[in-house]
Amino acid sequence: MTKADIVNEIAKNTGIDKTTVLATVEAFMSAVKKSLENEENVYLRGFGSFIVKKRAQKTARNISKNTTIIIPEHNIPAFKPAKTFTIAVKK
């Protein structure tokens, strides 16, 4: 399902025009991105959590050059589904 499909589905179910729904979806995604950039988690009860995970520094190898490099500590975004969401998908 694409963003356009989501907008169409919401517009069909609510009767709101697509441009308003698209603006709302874009604003939601922007708010989630901005929160994660500021290392703030986003919790949506019954759906899941958008969280920031911290990856530790590690040593990696470049096989073609036979060298080692250090990958610094960094953050990555992650999604953890809610328990009710996970149960619904399993059925």
PDB file of N, CA and C in Angstrom:
ATOM      1  N   MET A   1       0.847  -1.172   0.000  1.00  0.00           N
ATOM      2  CA  MET A   1       0.000   0.000   0.000  1.00  0.00           C
ATOM      3  C   MET A   1       0.892   1.234   0.000  1.00  0.00           C
ATOM      4  N   THR A   2       0.612   2.157  -0.896  1.00  0.00           N
ATOM      5  CA  THR A   2       1.396   3.388  -1.007  1.00  0.00           C
ATOM      6  C   THR A   2       0.710   4.525  -0.259  1.00  0.00           C
ATOM      7  N   LYS A   3       1.407   5.657  -0.193  1.00  0.00           N
ATOM      8  CA  LYS A   3       0.822   6.820   0.467  1.00  0.00           C
ATOM      9  C   LYS A   3      -0.450   7.259  -0.264  1.00  0.00           C
ATOM     10  N   ALA A   4      -0.447   7.193  -1.587  1.00  0.00           N
ATOM     11  CA  ALA A   4      -1.641   7.557  -2.361  1.00  0.00           C
ATOM     12  C   ALA A   4      -2.808   6.631  -2.038  1.00  0.00           C
ATOM     13  N   ASP A   5      -2.526   5.344  -1.868  1.00  0.00           N
ATOM     14  CA  ASP A   5      -3.578   4.386  -1.497  1.00  0.00           C
ATOM     15  C   ASP A   5      -4.146   4.707  -0.120  1.00  0.00           C
ATOM     16  N   ILE A   6      -3.283   5.081   0.805  1.00  0.00           N
ATOM     17  CA  ILE A   6      -3.728   5.443   2.156  1.00  0.00           C
ATOM     18  C   ILE A   6      -4.614   6.680   2.101  1.00  0.00           C
ATOM     19  N   VAL A   7      -4.196   7.683   1.334  1.00  0.00           N
ATOM     20  CA  VAL A   7      -4.987   8.908   1.203  1.00  0.00           C
ATOM     21  C   VAL A   7      -6.344   8.591   0.597  1.00  0.00           C
ATOM     22  N   ASN A   8      -6.377   7.774  -0.458  1.00  0.00           N
ATOM     23  CA  ASN A   8      -7.643   7.407  -1.097  1.00  0.00           C
ATOM     24  C   ASN A   8      -8.558   6.668  -0.129  1.00  0.00           C
ATOM     25  N   GLU A   9      -8.007   5.749   0.648  1.00  0.00           N
ATOM     26  CA  GLU A   9      -8.800   4.964   1.601  1.00  0.00           C
ATOM     27  C   GLU A   9      -9.401   5.856   2.694  1.00  0.00           C
ATOM     28  N   ILE A  10      -8.580   6.761   3.235  1.00  0.00           N
ATOM     29  CA  ILE A  10      -9.074   7.662   4.275  1.00  0.00           C
ATOM     30  C   ILE A  10     -10.137   8.598   3.706  1.00  0.00           C
ATOM     31  N   ALA A  11      -9.898   9.135   2.522  1.00  0.00           N
ATOM     32  CA  ALA A  11     -10.872  10.038   1.899  1.00  0.00           C
ATOM     33  C   ALA A  11     -12.198   9.327   1.641  1.00  0.00           C
ATOM     34  N   LYS A  12     -12.120   8.073   1.198  1.00  0.00           N
ATOM     35  CA  LYS A  12     -13.335   7.302   0.919  1.00  0.00           C
ATOM     36  C   LYS A  12     -14.096   7.004   2.213  1.00  0.00           C
ATOM     37  N   ASN A  13     -13.384   6.644   3.284  1.00  0.00           N
ATOM     38  CA  ASN A  13     -14.036   6.271   4.548  1.00  0.00           C
ATOM     39  C   ASN A  13     -14.589   7.460   5.332  1.00  0.00           C
ATOM     40  N   THR A  14     -13.951   8.629   5.187  1.00  0.00           N
ATOM     41  CA  THR A  14     -14.371   9.778   5.984  1.00  0.00           C
ATOM     42  C   THR A  14     -15.179  10.809   5.212  1.00  0.00           C
ATOM     43  N   GLY A  15     -15.087  10.817   3.895  1.00  0.00           N
ATOM     44  CA  GLY A  15     -15.781  11.809   3.091  1.00  0.00           C
ATOM     45  C   GLY A  15     -15.035  13.130   2.998  1.00  0.00           C
ATOM     46  N   ILE A  16     -13.825  13.189   3.518  1.00  0.00           N
ATOM     47  CA  ILE A  16     -13.000  14.400   3.440  1.00  0.00           C
ATOM     48  C   ILE A  16     -12.284  14.385   2.092  1.00  0.00           C
ATOM     49  N   ASP A  17     -12.097  15.586   1.489  1.00  0.00           N
ATOM     50  CA  ASP A  17     -11.453  15.618   0.173  1.00  0.00           C
ATOM     51  C   ASP A  17      -9.989  15.200   0.265  1.00  0.00           C
ATOM     52  N   LYS A  18      -9.480  14.682  -0.855  1.00  0.00           N
ATOM     53  CA  LYS A  18      -8.140  14.080  -0.885  1.00  0.00           C
ATOM     54  C   LYS A  18      -7.033  15.071  -0.565  1.00  0.00           C
ATOM     55  N   THR A  19      -7.181  16.328  -0.967  1.00  0.00           N
ATOM     56  CA  THR A  19      -6.112  17.297  -0.701  1.00  0.00           C
ATOM     57  C   THR A  19      -5.943  17.552   0.793  1.00  0.00           C
ATOM     58  N   THR A  20      -7.046  17.597   1.512  1.00  0.00           N
ATOM     59  CA  THR A  20      -6.986  17.792   2.966  1.00  0.00           C
ATOM     60  C   THR A  20      -6.382  16.568   3.643  1.00  0.00           C
ATOM     61  N   VAL A  21      -6.787  15.388   3.186  1.00  0.00           N
ATOM     62  CA  VAL A  21      -6.243  14.149   3.755  1.00  0.00           C
ATOM     63  C   VAL A  21      -4.753  14.057   3.476  1.00  0.00           C
ATOM     64  N   LEU A  22      -4.339  14.389   2.241  1.00  0.00           N
ATOM     65  CA  LEU A  22      -2.918  14.343   1.893  1.00  0.00           C
ATOM     66  C   LEU A  22      -2.119  15.297   2.771  1.00  0.00           C
ATOM     67  N   ALA A  23      -2.624  16.509   2.987  1.00  0.00           N
ATOM     68  CA  ALA A  23      -1.931  17.476   3.837  1.00  0.00           C
ATOM     69  C   ALA A  23      -1.818  16.957   5.269  1.00  0.00           C
ATOM     70  N   THR A  24      -2.864  16.289   5.748  1.00  0.00           N
ATOM     71  CA  THR A  24      -2.847  15.735   7.099  1.00  0.00           C
ATOM     72  C   THR A  24      -1.830  14.609   7.220  1.00  0.00           C
ATOM     73  N   VAL A  25      -1.807  13.712   6.237  1.00  0.00           N
ATOM     74  CA  VAL A  25      -0.850  12.593   6.246  1.00  0.00           C
ATOM     75  C   VAL A  25       0.580  13.127   6.182  1.00  0.00           C
ATOM     76  N   GLU A  26       0.816  14.122   5.316  1.00  0.00           N
ATOM     77  CA  GLU A  26       2.157  14.720   5.208  1.00  0.00           C
ATOM     78  C   GLU A  26       2.566  15.379   6.527  1.00  0.00           C
ATOM     79  N   ALA A  27       1.628  16.079   7.177  1.00  0.00           N
ATOM     80  CA  ALA A  27       1.932  16.729   8.455  1.00  0.00           C
ATOM     81  C   ALA A  27       2.243  15.698   9.527  1.00  0.00           C
ATOM     82  N   PHE A  28       1.509  14.579   9.536  1.00  0.00           N
ATOM     83  CA  PHE A  28       1.769  13.505  10.495  1.00  0.00           C
ATOM     84  C   PHE A  28       3.178  12.944  10.303  1.00  0.00           C
ATOM     85  N   MET A  29       3.515  12.633   9.050  1.00  0.00           N
ATOM     86  CA  MET A  29       4.841  12.059   8.780  1.00  0.00           C
ATOM     87  C   MET A  29       5.945  13.053   9.119  1.00  0.00           C
ATOM     88  N   SER A  30       5.717  14.323   8.848  1.00  0.00           N
ATOM     89  CA  SER A  30       6.697  15.348   9.181  1.00  0.00           C
ATOM     90  C   SER A  30       6.894  15.456  10.693  1.00  0.00           C
ATOM     91  N   ALA A  31       5.796  15.389  11.445  1.00  0.00           N
ATOM     92  CA  ALA A  31       5.894  15.463  12.909  1.00  0.00           C
ATOM     93  C   ALA A  31       6.650  14.264  13.475  1.00  0.00           C
ATOM     94  N   VAL A  32       6.405  13.074  12.928  1.00  0.00           N
ATOM     95  CA  VAL A  32       7.114  11.871  13.383  1.00  0.00           C
ATOM     96  C   VAL A  32       8.596  11.996  13.070  1.00  0.00           C
ATOM     97  N   LYS A  33       8.939  12.420  11.855  1.00  0.00           N
ATOM     98  CA  LYS A  33      10.350  12.576  11.470  1.00  0.00           C
ATOM     99  C   LYS A  33      11.057  13.580  12.371  1.00  0.00           C
ATOM    100  N   LYS A  34      10.411  14.724  12.608  1.00  0.00           N
ATOM    101  CA  LYS A  34      11.024  15.762  13.437  1.00  0.00           C
ATOM    102  C   LYS A  34      11.252  15.268  14.864  1.00  0.00           C
ATOM    103  N   SER A  35      10.291  14.519  15.403  1.00  0.00           N
ATOM    104  CA  SER A  35      10.450  13.974  16.755  1.00  0.00           C
ATOM    105  C   SER A  35      11.614  13.002  16.816  1.00  0.00           C
ATOM    106  N   LEU A  36      11.719  12.124  15.824  1.00  0.00           N
ATOM    107  CA  LEU A  36      12.813  11.148  15.816  1.00  0.00           C
ATOM    108  C   LEU A  36      14.162  11.835  15.611  1.00  0.00           C
ATOM    109  N   GLU A  37      14.191  12.908  14.801  1.00  0.00           N
ATOM    110  CA  GLU A  37      15.436  13.660  14.636  1.00  0.00           C
ATOM    111  C   GLU A  37      15.893  14.264  15.957  1.00  0.00           C
ATOM    112  N   ASN A  38      14.935  14.631  16.798  1.00  0.00           N
ATOM    113  CA  ASN A  38      15.246  15.197  18.119  1.00  0.00           C
ATOM    114  C   ASN A  38      15.394  14.123  19.190  1.00  0.00           C
ATOM    115  N   GLU A  39      15.488  12.875  18.760  1.00  0.00           N
ATOM    116  CA  GLU A  39      15.643  11.704  19.633  1.00  0.00           C
ATOM    117  C   GLU A  39      14.487  11.556  20.611  1.00  0.00           C
ATOM    118  N   GLU A  40      13.276  11.918  20.172  1.00  0.00           N
ATOM    119  CA  GLU A  40      12.067  11.734  20.963  1.00  0.00           C
ATOM    120  C   GLU A  40      11.246  10.620  20.332  1.00  0.00           C
ATOM    121  N   ASN A  41      10.829   9.655  21.129  1.00  0.00           N
ATOM    122  CA  ASN A  41      10.016   8.554  20.624  1.00  0.00           C
ATOM    123  C   ASN A  41       8.574   9.006  20.443  1.00  0.00           C
ATOM    124  N   VAL A  42       7.853   8.355  19.521  1.00  0.00           N
ATOM    125  CA  VAL A  42       6.452   8.656  19.259  1.00  0.00           C
ATOM    126  C   VAL A  42       5.641   7.410  19.595  1.00  0.00           C
ATOM    127  N   TYR A  43       4.691   7.548  20.523  1.00  0.00           N
ATOM    128  CA  TYR A  43       3.887   6.417  20.972  1.00  0.00           C
ATOM    129  C   TYR A  43       2.446   6.588  20.500  1.00  0.00           C
ATOM    130  N   LEU A  44       1.925   5.615  19.750  1.00  0.00           N
ATOM    131  CA  LEU A  44       0.542   5.620  19.285  1.00  0.00           C
ATOM    132  C   LEU A  44      -0.138   4.395  19.882  1.00  0.00           C
ATOM    133  N   ARG A  45      -0.932   4.596  20.914  1.00  0.00           N
ATOM    134  CA  ARG A  45      -1.572   3.478  21.619  1.00  0.00           C
ATOM    135  C   ARG A  45      -2.425   2.654  20.666  1.00  0.00           C
ATOM    136  N   GLY A  46      -2.276   1.339  20.759  1.00  0.00           N
ATOM    137  CA  GLY A  46      -3.032   0.423  19.925  1.00  0.00           C
ATOM    138  C   GLY A  46      -2.435   0.220  18.550  1.00  0.00           C
ATOM    139  N   PHE A  47      -1.437   1.023  18.176  1.00  0.00           N
ATOM    140  CA  PHE A  47      -0.799   0.884  16.866  1.00  0.00           C
ATOM    141  C   PHE A  47       0.655   0.491  17.011  1.00  0.00           C
ATOM    142  N   GLY A  48       1.440   1.309  17.717  1.00  0.00           N
ATOM    143  CA  GLY A  48       2.847   0.994  17.910  1.00  0.00           C
ATOM    144  C   GLY A  48       3.650   2.223  18.267  1.00  0.00           C
ATOM    145  N   SER A  49       4.963   2.055  18.288  1.00  0.00           N
ATOM    146  CA  SER A  49       5.865   3.133  18.669  1.00  0.00           C
ATOM    147  C   SER A  49       6.954   3.312  17.628  1.00  0.00           C
ATOM    148  N   PHE A  50       7.187   4.558  17.261  1.00  0.00           N
ATOM    149  CA  PHE A  50       8.337   4.907  16.435  1.00  0.00           C
ATOM    150  C   PHE A  50       9.421   5.300  17.425  1.00  0.00           C
ATOM    151  N   ILE A  51      10.514   4.553  17.440  1.00  0.00           N
ATOM    152  CA  ILE A  51      11.548   4.771  18.443  1.00  0.00           C
ATOM    153  C   ILE A  51      12.904   5.010  17.782  1.00  0.00           C
ATOM    154  N   VAL A  52      13.799   5.598  18.553  1.00  0.00           N
ATOM    155  CA  VAL A  52      15.169   5.822  18.106  1.00  0.00           C
ATOM    156  C   VAL A  52      16.048   4.802  18.817  1.00  0.00           C
ATOM    157  N   LYS A  53      16.751   3.991  18.024  1.00  0.00           N
ATOM    158  CA  LYS A  53      17.677   3.010  18.595  1.00  0.00           C
ATOM    159  C   LYS A  53      19.101   3.506  18.398  1.00  0.00           C
ATOM    160  N   LYS A  54      19.911   3.304  19.420  1.00  0.00           N
ATOM    161  CA  LYS A  54      21.306   3.716  19.359  1.00  0.00           C
ATOM    162  C   LYS A  54      22.169   2.510  19.016  1.00  0.00           C
ATOM    163  N   ARG A  55      22.915   2.619  17.933  1.00  0.00           N
ATOM    164  CA  ARG A  55      23.837   1.553  17.543  1.00  0.00           C
ATOM    165  C   ARG A  55      25.228   1.892  18.072  1.00  0.00           C
ATOM    166  N   ALA A  56      25.856   0.930  18.702  1.00  0.00           N
ATOM    167  CA  ALA A  56      27.177   1.141  19.294  1.00  0.00           C
ATOM    168  C   ALA A  56      28.253   1.210  18.209  1.00  0.00           C
ATOM    169  N   GLN A  57      29.383   1.781  18.574  1.00  0.00           N
ATOM    170  CA  GLN A  57      30.531   1.825  17.664  1.00  0.00           C
ATOM    171  C   GLN A  57      31.003   0.405  17.401  1.00  0.00           C
ATOM    172  N   LYS A  58      31.401   0.134  16.157  1.00  0.00           N
ATOM    173  CA  LYS A  58      31.892  -1.207  15.850  1.00  0.00           C
ATOM    174  C   LYS A  58      32.987  -1.139  14.791  1.00  0.00           C
ATOM    175  N   THR A  59      33.732  -2.217  14.708  1.00  0.00           N
ATOM    176  CA  THR A  59      34.791  -2.344  13.726  1.00  0.00           C
ATOM    177  C   THR A  59      34.285  -3.209  12.583  1.00  0.00           C
ATOM    178  N   ALA A  60      34.508  -2.742  11.360  1.00  0.00           N
ATOM    179  CA  ALA A  60      34.067  -3.482  10.175  1.00  0.00           C
ATOM    180  C   ALA A  60      35.268  -3.692   9.259  1.00  0.00           C
ATOM    181  N   ARG A  61      35.103  -4.606   8.320  1.00  0.00           N
ATOM    182  CA  ARG A  61      36.193  -4.902   7.391  1.00  0.00           C
ATOM    183  C   ARG A  61      35.770  -4.600   5.968  1.00  0.00           C
ATOM    184  N   ASN A  62      36.678  -3.996   5.208  1.00  0.00           N
ATOM    185  CA  ASN A  62      36.505  -3.838   3.773  1.00  0.00           C
ATOM    186  C   ASN A  62      37.279  -4.980   3.131  1.00  0.00           C
ATOM    187  N   ILE A  63      36.566  -5.987   2.672  1.00  0.00           N
ATOM    188  CA  ILE A  63      37.201  -7.210   2.188  1.00  0.00           C
ATOM    189  C   ILE A  63      38.041  -6.959   0.944  1.00  0.00           C
ATOM    190  N   SER A  64      37.558  -6.114   0.025  1.00  0.00           N
ATOM    191  CA  SER A  64      38.293  -5.897  -1.228  1.00  0.00           C
ATOM    192  C   SER A  64      39.630  -5.190  -0.991  1.00  0.00           C
ATOM    193  N   LYS A  65      39.711  -4.275  -0.032  1.00  0.00           N
ATOM    194  CA  LYS A  65      40.962  -3.563   0.264  1.00  0.00           C
ATOM    195  C   LYS A  65      41.714  -4.181   1.435  1.00  0.00           C
ATOM    196  N   ASN A  66      41.106  -5.156   2.097  1.00  0.00           N
ATOM    197  CA  ASN A  66      41.690  -5.826   3.250  1.00  0.00           C
ATOM    198  C   ASN A  66      42.078  -4.833   4.342  1.00  0.00           C
ATOM    199  N   THR A  67      41.148  -3.934   4.641  1.00  0.00           N
ATOM    200  CA  THR A  67      41.373  -2.945   5.690  1.00  0.00           C
ATOM    201  C   THR A  67      40.219  -2.998   6.684  1.00  0.00           C
ATOM    202  N   THR A  68      40.458  -2.432   7.852  1.00  0.00           N
ATOM    203  CA  THR A  68      39.391  -2.333   8.850  1.00  0.00           C
ATOM    204  C   THR A  68      39.028  -0.865   9.013  1.00  0.00           C
ATOM    205  N   ILE A  69      37.762  -0.625   9.262  1.00  0.00           N
ATOM    206  CA  ILE A  69      37.296   0.732   9.502  1.00  0.00           C
ATOM    207  C   ILE A  69      36.451   0.733  10.770  1.00  0.00           C
ATOM    208  N   ILE A  70      36.362   1.874  11.380  1.00  0.00           N
ATOM    209  CA  ILE A  70      35.551   2.018  12.592  1.00  0.00           C
ATOM    210  C   ILE A  70      34.264   2.730  12.192  1.00  0.00           C
ATOM    211  N   ILE A  71      33.150   2.113  12.476  1.00  0.00           N
ATOM    212  CA  ILE A  71      31.849   2.730  12.238  1.00  0.00           C
ATOM    213  C   ILE A  71      31.434   3.376  13.560  1.00  0.00           C
ATOM    214  N   PRO A  72      31.247   4.698  13.560  1.00  0.00           N
ATOM    215  CA  PRO A  72      30.934   5.381  14.823  1.00  0.00           C
ATOM    216  C   PRO A  72      29.530   5.060  15.333  1.00  0.00           C
ATOM    217  N   GLU A  73      29.318   5.359  16.597  1.00  0.00           N
ATOM    218  CA  GLU A  73      28.000   5.194  17.213  1.00  0.00           C
ATOM    219  C   GLU A  73      27.005   6.088  16.466  1.00  0.00           C
ATOM    220  N   HIS A  74      25.807   5.558  16.201  1.00  0.00           N
ATOM    221  CA  HIS A  74      24.800   6.344  15.490  1.00  0.00           C
ATOM    222  C   HIS A  74      23.394   5.886  15.869  1.00  0.00           C
ATOM    223  N   ASN A  75      22.417   6.718  15.549  1.00  0.00           N
ATOM    224  CA  ASN A  75      21.017   6.411  15.837  1.00  0.00           C
ATOM    225  C   ASN A  75      20.314   5.945  14.569  1.00  0.00           C
ATOM    226  N   ILE A  76      19.342   5.034  14.737  1.00  0.00           N
ATOM    227  CA  ILE A  76      18.518   4.597  13.613  1.00  0.00           C
ATOM    228  C   ILE A  76      17.060   4.599  14.052  1.00  0.00           C
ATOM    229  N   PRO A  77      16.146   4.913  13.126  1.00  0.00           N
ATOM    230  CA  PRO A  77      14.726   4.851  13.474  1.00  0.00           C
ATOM    231  C   PRO A  77      14.231   3.413  13.429  1.00  0.00           C
ATOM    232  N   ALA A  78      13.252   3.103  14.252  1.00  0.00           N
ATOM    233  CA  ALA A  78      12.677   1.752  14.280  1.00  0.00           C
ATOM    234  C   ALA A  78      11.196   1.858  14.628  1.00  0.00           C
ATOM    235  N   PHE A  79      10.446   0.825  14.288  1.00  0.00           N
ATOM    236  CA  PHE A  79       9.031   0.762  14.624  1.00  0.00           C
ATOM    237  C   PHE A  79       8.783  -0.494  15.426  1.00  0.00           C
ATOM    238  N   LYS A  80       8.110  -0.340  16.548  1.00  0.00           N
ATOM    239  CA  LYS A  80       7.748  -1.482  17.380  1.00  0.00           C
ATOM    240  C   LYS A  80       6.226  -1.534  17.444  1.00  0.00           C
ATOM    241  N   PRO A  81       5.603  -2.551  16.830  1.00  0.00           N
ATOM    242  CA  PRO A  81       4.133  -2.612  16.832  1.00  0.00           C
ATOM    243  C   PRO A  81       3.581  -2.906  18.221  1.00  0.00           C
ATOM    244  N   ALA A  82       2.359  -2.405  18.463  1.00  0.00           N
ATOM    245  CA  ALA A  82       1.671  -2.669  19.727  1.00  0.00           C
ATOM    246  C   ALA A  82       1.248  -4.126  19.770  1.00  0.00           C
ATOM    247  N   LYS A  83       1.040  -4.630  20.959  1.00  0.00           N
ATOM    248  CA  LYS A  83       0.663  -6.033  21.137  1.00  0.00           C
ATOM    249  C   LYS A  83      -0.643  -6.350  20.404  1.00  0.00           C
ATOM    250  N   THR A  84      -1.641  -5.457  20.515  1.00  0.00           N
ATOM    251  CA  THR A  84      -2.929  -5.707  19.835  1.00  0.00           C
ATOM    252  C   THR A  84      -2.762  -5.685  18.327  1.00  0.00           C
ATOM    253  N   PHE A  85      -1.882  -4.844  17.826  1.00  0.00           N
ATOM    254  CA  PHE A  85      -1.596  -4.778  16.389  1.00  0.00           C
ATOM    255  C   PHE A  85      -0.945  -6.082  15.923  1.00  0.00           C
ATOM    256  N   THR A  86       0.013  -6.567  16.681  1.00  0.00           N
ATOM    257  CA  THR A  86       0.696  -7.807  16.337  1.00  0.00           C
ATOM    258  C   THR A  86      -0.262  -8.992  16.331  1.00  0.00           C
ATOM    259  N   ILE A  87      -1.145  -9.050  17.309  1.00  0.00           N
ATOM    260  CA  ILE A  87      -2.128 -10.141  17.379  1.00  0.00           C
ATOM    261  C   ILE A  87      -3.068 -10.078  16.179  1.00  0.00           C
ATOM    262  N   ALA A  88      -3.505  -8.882  15.795  1.00  0.00           N
ATOM    263  CA  ALA A  88      -4.411  -8.729  14.658  1.00  0.00           C
ATOM    264  C   ALA A  88      -3.749  -9.169  13.350  1.00  0.00           C
ATOM    265  N   VAL A  89      -2.465  -8.898  13.183  1.00  0.00           N
ATOM    266  CA  VAL A  89      -1.753  -9.284  11.965  1.00  0.00           C
ATOM    267  C   VAL A  89      -1.542 -10.795  11.927  1.00  0.00           C
ATOM    268  N   LYS A  90      -1.324 -11.425  13.081  1.00  0.00           N
ATOM    269  CA  LYS A  90      -1.086 -12.867  13.129  1.00  0.00           C
ATOM    270  C   LYS A  90      -2.314 -13.670  12.725  1.00  0.00           C
ATOM    271  N   LYS A  91      -3.530 -13.117  12.959  1.00  0.00           N
ATOM    272  CA  LYS A  91      -4.758 -13.835  12.653  1.00  0.00           C
ATOM    273  C   LYS A  91      -5.034 -13.897  11.179  1.00  0.00           C
TER     274      LYS A  91
END
